[in-house]
Amino acid sequence: MVALGVILLIIGFLTGVSILWTIGIILLVIGAVLWLMGSMGHAVAGRRHYW
């Protein structure tokens, strides 16, 4: 999810499409939160680890 967010940020920045930029930021934030929760040992969406 983090990688997809970064890819959308780059594509949105290069093409000037603001919706891709916005979706990229949202995916990046959600991915970072899930990654932090998974690394702290919390079960995320039924998984013990989230990469």
PDB file of N, CA and C in Angstrom:
ATOM      1  N   MET A   1       0.830  -1.186   0.000  1.00  0.00           N
ATOM      2  CA  MET A   1       0.000   0.000   0.000  1.00  0.00           C
ATOM      3  C   MET A   1       0.878   1.254   0.000  1.00  0.00           C
ATOM      4  N   VAL A   2       1.974   1.176   0.733  1.00  0.00           N
ATOM      5  CA  VAL A   2       2.891   2.320   0.772  1.00  0.00           C
ATOM      6  C   VAL A   2       3.519   2.526  -0.608  1.00  0.00           C
ATOM      7  N   ALA A   3       3.921   1.431  -1.240  1.00  0.00           N
ATOM      8  CA  ALA A   3       4.543   1.536  -2.563  1.00  0.00           C
ATOM      9  C   ALA A   3       3.560   2.083  -3.593  1.00  0.00           C
ATOM     10  N   LEU A   4       2.314   1.641  -3.527  1.00  0.00           N
ATOM     11  CA  LEU A   4       1.299   2.153  -4.450  1.00  0.00           C
ATOM     12  C   LEU A   4       1.051   3.638  -4.219  1.00  0.00           C
ATOM     13  N   GLY A   5       1.058   4.063  -2.961  1.00  0.00           N
ATOM     14  CA  GLY A   5       0.892   5.477  -2.646  1.00  0.00           C
ATOM     15  C   GLY A   5       2.011   6.323  -3.222  1.00  0.00           C
ATOM     16  N   VAL A   6       3.233   5.829  -3.111  1.00  0.00           N
ATOM     17  CA  VAL A   6       4.386   6.574  -3.654  1.00  0.00           C
ATOM     18  C   VAL A   6       4.310   6.642  -5.172  1.00  0.00           C
ATOM     19  N   ILE A   7       3.928   5.526  -5.798  1.00  0.00           N
ATOM     20  CA  ILE A   7       3.819   5.508  -7.259  1.00  0.00           C
ATOM     21  C   ILE A   7       2.758   6.501  -7.728  1.00  0.00           C
ATOM     22  N   LEU A   8       1.603   6.513  -7.051  1.00  0.00           N
ATOM     23  CA  LEU A   8       0.557   7.460  -7.440  1.00  0.00           C
ATOM     24  C   LEU A   8       0.978   8.903  -7.198  1.00  0.00           C
ATOM     25  N   LEU A   9       1.726   9.152  -6.120  1.00  0.00           N
ATOM     26  CA  LEU A   9       2.236  10.509  -5.889  1.00  0.00           C
ATOM     27  C   LEU A   9       3.138  10.962  -7.023  1.00  0.00           C
ATOM     28  N   ILE A  10       4.022  10.081  -7.453  1.00  0.00           N
ATOM     29  CA  ILE A  10       4.953  10.436  -8.526  1.00  0.00           C
ATOM     30  C   ILE A  10       4.207  10.667  -9.839  1.00  0.00           C
ATOM     31  N   ILE A  11       3.281   9.758 -10.174  1.00  0.00           N
ATOM     32  CA  ILE A  11       2.527   9.911 -11.418  1.00  0.00           C
ATOM     33  C   ILE A  11       1.667  11.171 -11.378  1.00  0.00           C
ATOM     34  N   GLY A  12       1.019  11.420 -10.240  1.00  0.00           N
ATOM     35  CA  GLY A  12       0.203  12.619 -10.113  1.00  0.00           C
ATOM     36  C   GLY A  12       1.011  13.892 -10.211  1.00  0.00           C
ATOM     37  N   PHE A  13       2.222  13.879  -9.666  1.00  0.00           N
ATOM     38  CA  PHE A  13       3.083  15.059  -9.733  1.00  0.00           C
ATOM     39  C   PHE A  13       3.570  15.302 -11.162  1.00  0.00           C
ATOM     40  N   LEU A  14       3.964  14.229 -11.845  1.00  0.00           N
ATOM     41  CA  LEU A  14       4.498  14.388 -13.195  1.00  0.00           C
ATOM     42  C   LEU A  14       3.428  14.777 -14.215  1.00  0.00           C
ATOM     43  N   THR A  15       2.224  14.236 -14.051  1.00  0.00           N
ATOM     44  CA  THR A  15       1.169  14.525 -15.028  1.00  0.00           C
ATOM     45  C   THR A  15       0.312  15.723 -14.650  1.00  0.00           C
ATOM     46  N   GLY A  16       0.370  16.139 -13.403  1.00  0.00           N
ATOM     47  CA  GLY A  16      -0.421  17.278 -12.962  1.00  0.00           C
ATOM     48  C   GLY A  16      -1.854  16.929 -12.631  1.00  0.00           C
ATOM     49  N   VAL A  17      -2.151  15.643 -12.452  1.00  0.00           N
ATOM     50  CA  VAL A  17      -3.505  15.209 -12.117  1.00  0.00           C
ATOM     51  C   VAL A  17      -3.627  15.206 -10.597  1.00  0.00           C
ATOM     52  N   SER A  18      -4.446  16.097 -10.082  1.00  0.00           N
ATOM     53  CA  SER A  18      -4.496  16.285  -8.633  1.00  0.00           C
ATOM     54  C   SER A  18      -5.184  15.139  -7.898  1.00  0.00           C
ATOM     55  N   ILE A  19      -6.093  14.422  -8.556  1.00  0.00           N
ATOM     56  CA  ILE A  19      -6.779  13.313  -7.880  1.00  0.00           C
ATOM     57  C   ILE A  19      -5.800  12.178  -7.599  1.00  0.00           C
ATOM     58  N   LEU A  20      -4.855  11.944  -8.502  1.00  0.00           N
ATOM     59  CA  LEU A  20      -3.836  10.924  -8.240  1.00  0.00           C
ATOM     60  C   LEU A  20      -2.952  11.334  -7.074  1.00  0.00           C
ATOM     61  N   TRP A  21      -2.633  12.597  -6.995  1.00  0.00           N
ATOM     62  CA  TRP A  21      -1.828  13.125  -5.887  1.00  0.00           C
ATOM     63  C   TRP A  21      -2.556  12.910  -4.563  1.00  0.00           C
ATOM     64  N   THR A  22      -3.853  13.207  -4.535  1.00  0.00           N
ATOM     65  CA  THR A  22      -4.647  13.053  -3.313  1.00  0.00           C
ATOM     66  C   THR A  22      -4.775  11.593  -2.911  1.00  0.00           C
ATOM     67  N   ILE A  23      -5.077  10.724  -3.849  1.00  0.00           N
ATOM     68  CA  ILE A  23      -5.204   9.300  -3.544  1.00  0.00           C
ATOM     69  C   ILE A  23      -3.865   8.731  -3.091  1.00  0.00           C
ATOM     70  N   GLY A  24      -2.779   9.189  -3.691  1.00  0.00           N
ATOM     71  CA  GLY A  24      -1.444   8.741  -3.286  1.00  0.00           C
ATOM     72  C   GLY A  24      -1.133   9.115  -1.851  1.00  0.00           C
ATOM     73  N   ILE A  25      -1.482  10.325  -1.447  1.00  0.00           N
ATOM     74  CA  ILE A  25      -1.243  10.754  -0.064  1.00  0.00           C
ATOM     75  C   ILE A  25      -2.073   9.916   0.901  1.00  0.00           C
ATOM     76  N   ILE A  26      -3.337   9.674   0.551  1.00  0.00           N
ATOM     77  CA  ILE A  26      -4.205   8.885   1.425  1.00  0.00           C
ATOM     78  C   ILE A  26      -3.668   7.465   1.578  1.00  0.00           C
ATOM     79  N   LEU A  27      -3.277   6.824   0.477  1.00  0.00           N
ATOM     80  CA  LEU A  27      -2.748   5.469   0.550  1.00  0.00           C
ATOM     81  C   LEU A  27      -1.436   5.415   1.318  1.00  0.00           C
ATOM     82  N   LEU A  28      -0.613   6.418   1.161  1.00  0.00           N
ATOM     83  CA  LEU A  28       0.655   6.464   1.881  1.00  0.00           C
ATOM     84  C   LEU A  28       0.427   6.572   3.379  1.00  0.00           C
ATOM     85  N   VAL A  29      -0.504   7.395   3.798  1.00  0.00           N
ATOM     86  CA  VAL A  29      -0.795   7.557   5.228  1.00  0.00           C
ATOM     87  C   VAL A  29      -1.404   6.282   5.810  1.00  0.00           C
ATOM     88  N   ILE A  30      -2.375   5.703   5.109  1.00  0.00           N
ATOM     89  CA  ILE A  30      -3.001   4.469   5.600  1.00  0.00           C
ATOM     90  C   ILE A  30      -1.974   3.341   5.672  1.00  0.00           C
ATOM     91  N   GLY A  31      -1.150   3.228   4.660  1.00  0.00           N
ATOM     92  CA  GLY A  31      -0.111   2.191   4.665  1.00  0.00           C
ATOM     93  C   GLY A  31       0.879   2.377   5.793  1.00  0.00           C
ATOM     94  N   ALA A  32       1.266   3.613   6.075  1.00  0.00           N
ATOM     95  CA  ALA A  32       2.201   3.871   7.163  1.00  0.00           C
ATOM     96  C   ALA A  32       1.580   3.530   8.519  1.00  0.00           C
ATOM     97  N   VAL A  33       0.307   3.860   8.702  1.00  0.00           N
ATOM     98  CA  VAL A  33      -0.373   3.546   9.962  1.00  0.00           C
ATOM     99  C   VAL A  33      -0.478   2.031  10.152  1.00  0.00           C
ATOM    100  N   LEU A  34      -0.871   1.313   9.098  1.00  0.00           N
ATOM    101  CA  LEU A  34      -0.960  -0.139   9.198  1.00  0.00           C
ATOM    102  C   LEU A  34       0.396  -0.780   9.450  1.00  0.00           C
ATOM    103  N   TRP A  35       1.432  -0.234   8.826  1.00  0.00           N
ATOM    104  CA  TRP A  35       2.773  -0.751   9.009  1.00  0.00           C
ATOM    105  C   TRP A  35       3.234  -0.545  10.453  1.00  0.00           C
ATOM    106  N   LEU A  36       2.988   0.633  11.001  1.00  0.00           N
ATOM    107  CA  LEU A  36       3.360   0.903  12.393  1.00  0.00           C
ATOM    108  C   LEU A  36       2.590   0.018  13.371  1.00  0.00           C
ATOM    109  N   MET A  37       1.299  -0.145  13.142  1.00  0.00           N
ATOM    110  CA  MET A  37       0.508  -0.990  14.021  1.00  0.00           C
ATOM    111  C   MET A  37       0.969  -2.444  13.966  1.00  0.00           C
ATOM    112  N   GLY A  38       1.280  -2.913  12.777  1.00  0.00           N
ATOM    113  CA  GLY A  38       1.764  -4.286  12.627  1.00  0.00           C
ATOM    114  C   GLY A  38       3.120  -4.500  13.253  1.00  0.00           C
ATOM    115  N   SER A  39       3.993  -3.500  13.171  1.00  0.00           N
ATOM    116  CA  SER A  39       5.327  -3.653  13.742  1.00  0.00           C
ATOM    117  C   SER A  39       5.317  -3.547  15.263  1.00  0.00           C
ATOM    118  N   MET A  40       4.263  -2.947  15.826  1.00  0.00           N
ATOM    119  CA  MET A  40       4.159  -2.840  17.281  1.00  0.00           C
ATOM    120  C   MET A  40       3.532  -4.095  17.896  1.00  0.00           C
ATOM    121  N   GLY A  41       3.130  -5.052  17.076  1.00  0.00           N
ATOM    122  CA  GLY A  41       2.593  -6.301  17.578  1.00  0.00           C
ATOM    123  C   GLY A  41       1.087  -6.358  17.628  1.00  0.00           C
ATOM    124  N   HIS A  42       0.412  -5.315  17.175  1.00  0.00           N
ATOM    125  CA  HIS A  42      -1.050  -5.331  17.155  1.00  0.00           C
ATOM    126  C   HIS A  42      -1.529  -6.115  15.943  1.00  0.00           C
ATOM    127  N   ALA A  43      -2.574  -6.884  16.123  1.00  0.00           N
ATOM    128  CA  ALA A  43      -3.164  -7.601  14.998  1.00  0.00           C
ATOM    129  C   ALA A  43      -3.921  -6.595  14.132  1.00  0.00           C
ATOM    130  N   VAL A  44      -3.622  -6.578  12.852  1.00  0.00           N
ATOM    131  CA  VAL A  44      -4.253  -5.642  11.926  1.00  0.00           C
ATOM    132  C   VAL A  44      -5.062  -6.444  10.928  1.00  0.00           C
ATOM    133  N   ALA A  45      -6.366  -6.244  10.911  1.00  0.00           N
ATOM    134  CA  ALA A  45      -7.286  -6.909   9.990  1.00  0.00           C
ATOM    135  C   ALA A  45      -7.140  -8.424  10.056  1.00  0.00           C
ATOM    136  N   GLY A  46      -6.973  -8.945  11.250  1.00  0.00           N
ATOM    137  CA  GLY A  46      -6.847 -10.384  11.436  1.00  0.00           C
ATOM    138  C   GLY A  46      -5.471 -10.942  11.178  1.00  0.00           C
ATOM    139  N   ARG A  47      -4.518 -10.104  10.846  1.00  0.00           N
ATOM    140  CA  ARG A  47      -3.142 -10.559  10.614  1.00  0.00           C
ATOM    141  C   ARG A  47      -2.266 -10.161  11.781  1.00  0.00           C
ATOM    142  N   ARG A  48      -1.330 -10.995  12.115  1.00  0.00           N
ATOM    143  CA  ARG A  48      -0.403 -10.686  13.186  1.00  0.00           C
ATOM    144  C   ARG A  48       0.680  -9.720  12.711  1.00  0.00           C
ATOM    145  N   HIS A  49       1.077  -9.845  11.447  1.00  0.00           N
ATOM    146  CA  HIS A  49       2.110  -8.969  10.878  1.00  0.00           C
ATOM    147  C   HIS A  49       1.571  -8.336   9.609  1.00  0.00           C
ATOM    148  N   TYR A  50       1.913  -7.114   9.372  1.00  0.00           N
ATOM    149  CA  TYR A  50       1.514  -6.420   8.157  1.00  0.00           C
ATOM    150  C   TYR A  50       2.752  -5.787   7.554  1.00  0.00           C
ATOM    151  N   TRP A  51       3.107  -6.191   6.312  1.00  0.00           N
ATOM    152  CA  TRP A  51       4.317  -5.657   5.695  1.00  0.00           C
ATOM    153  C   TRP A  51       3.927  -4.613   4.699  1.00  0.00           C
TER     154      TRP A  51
END
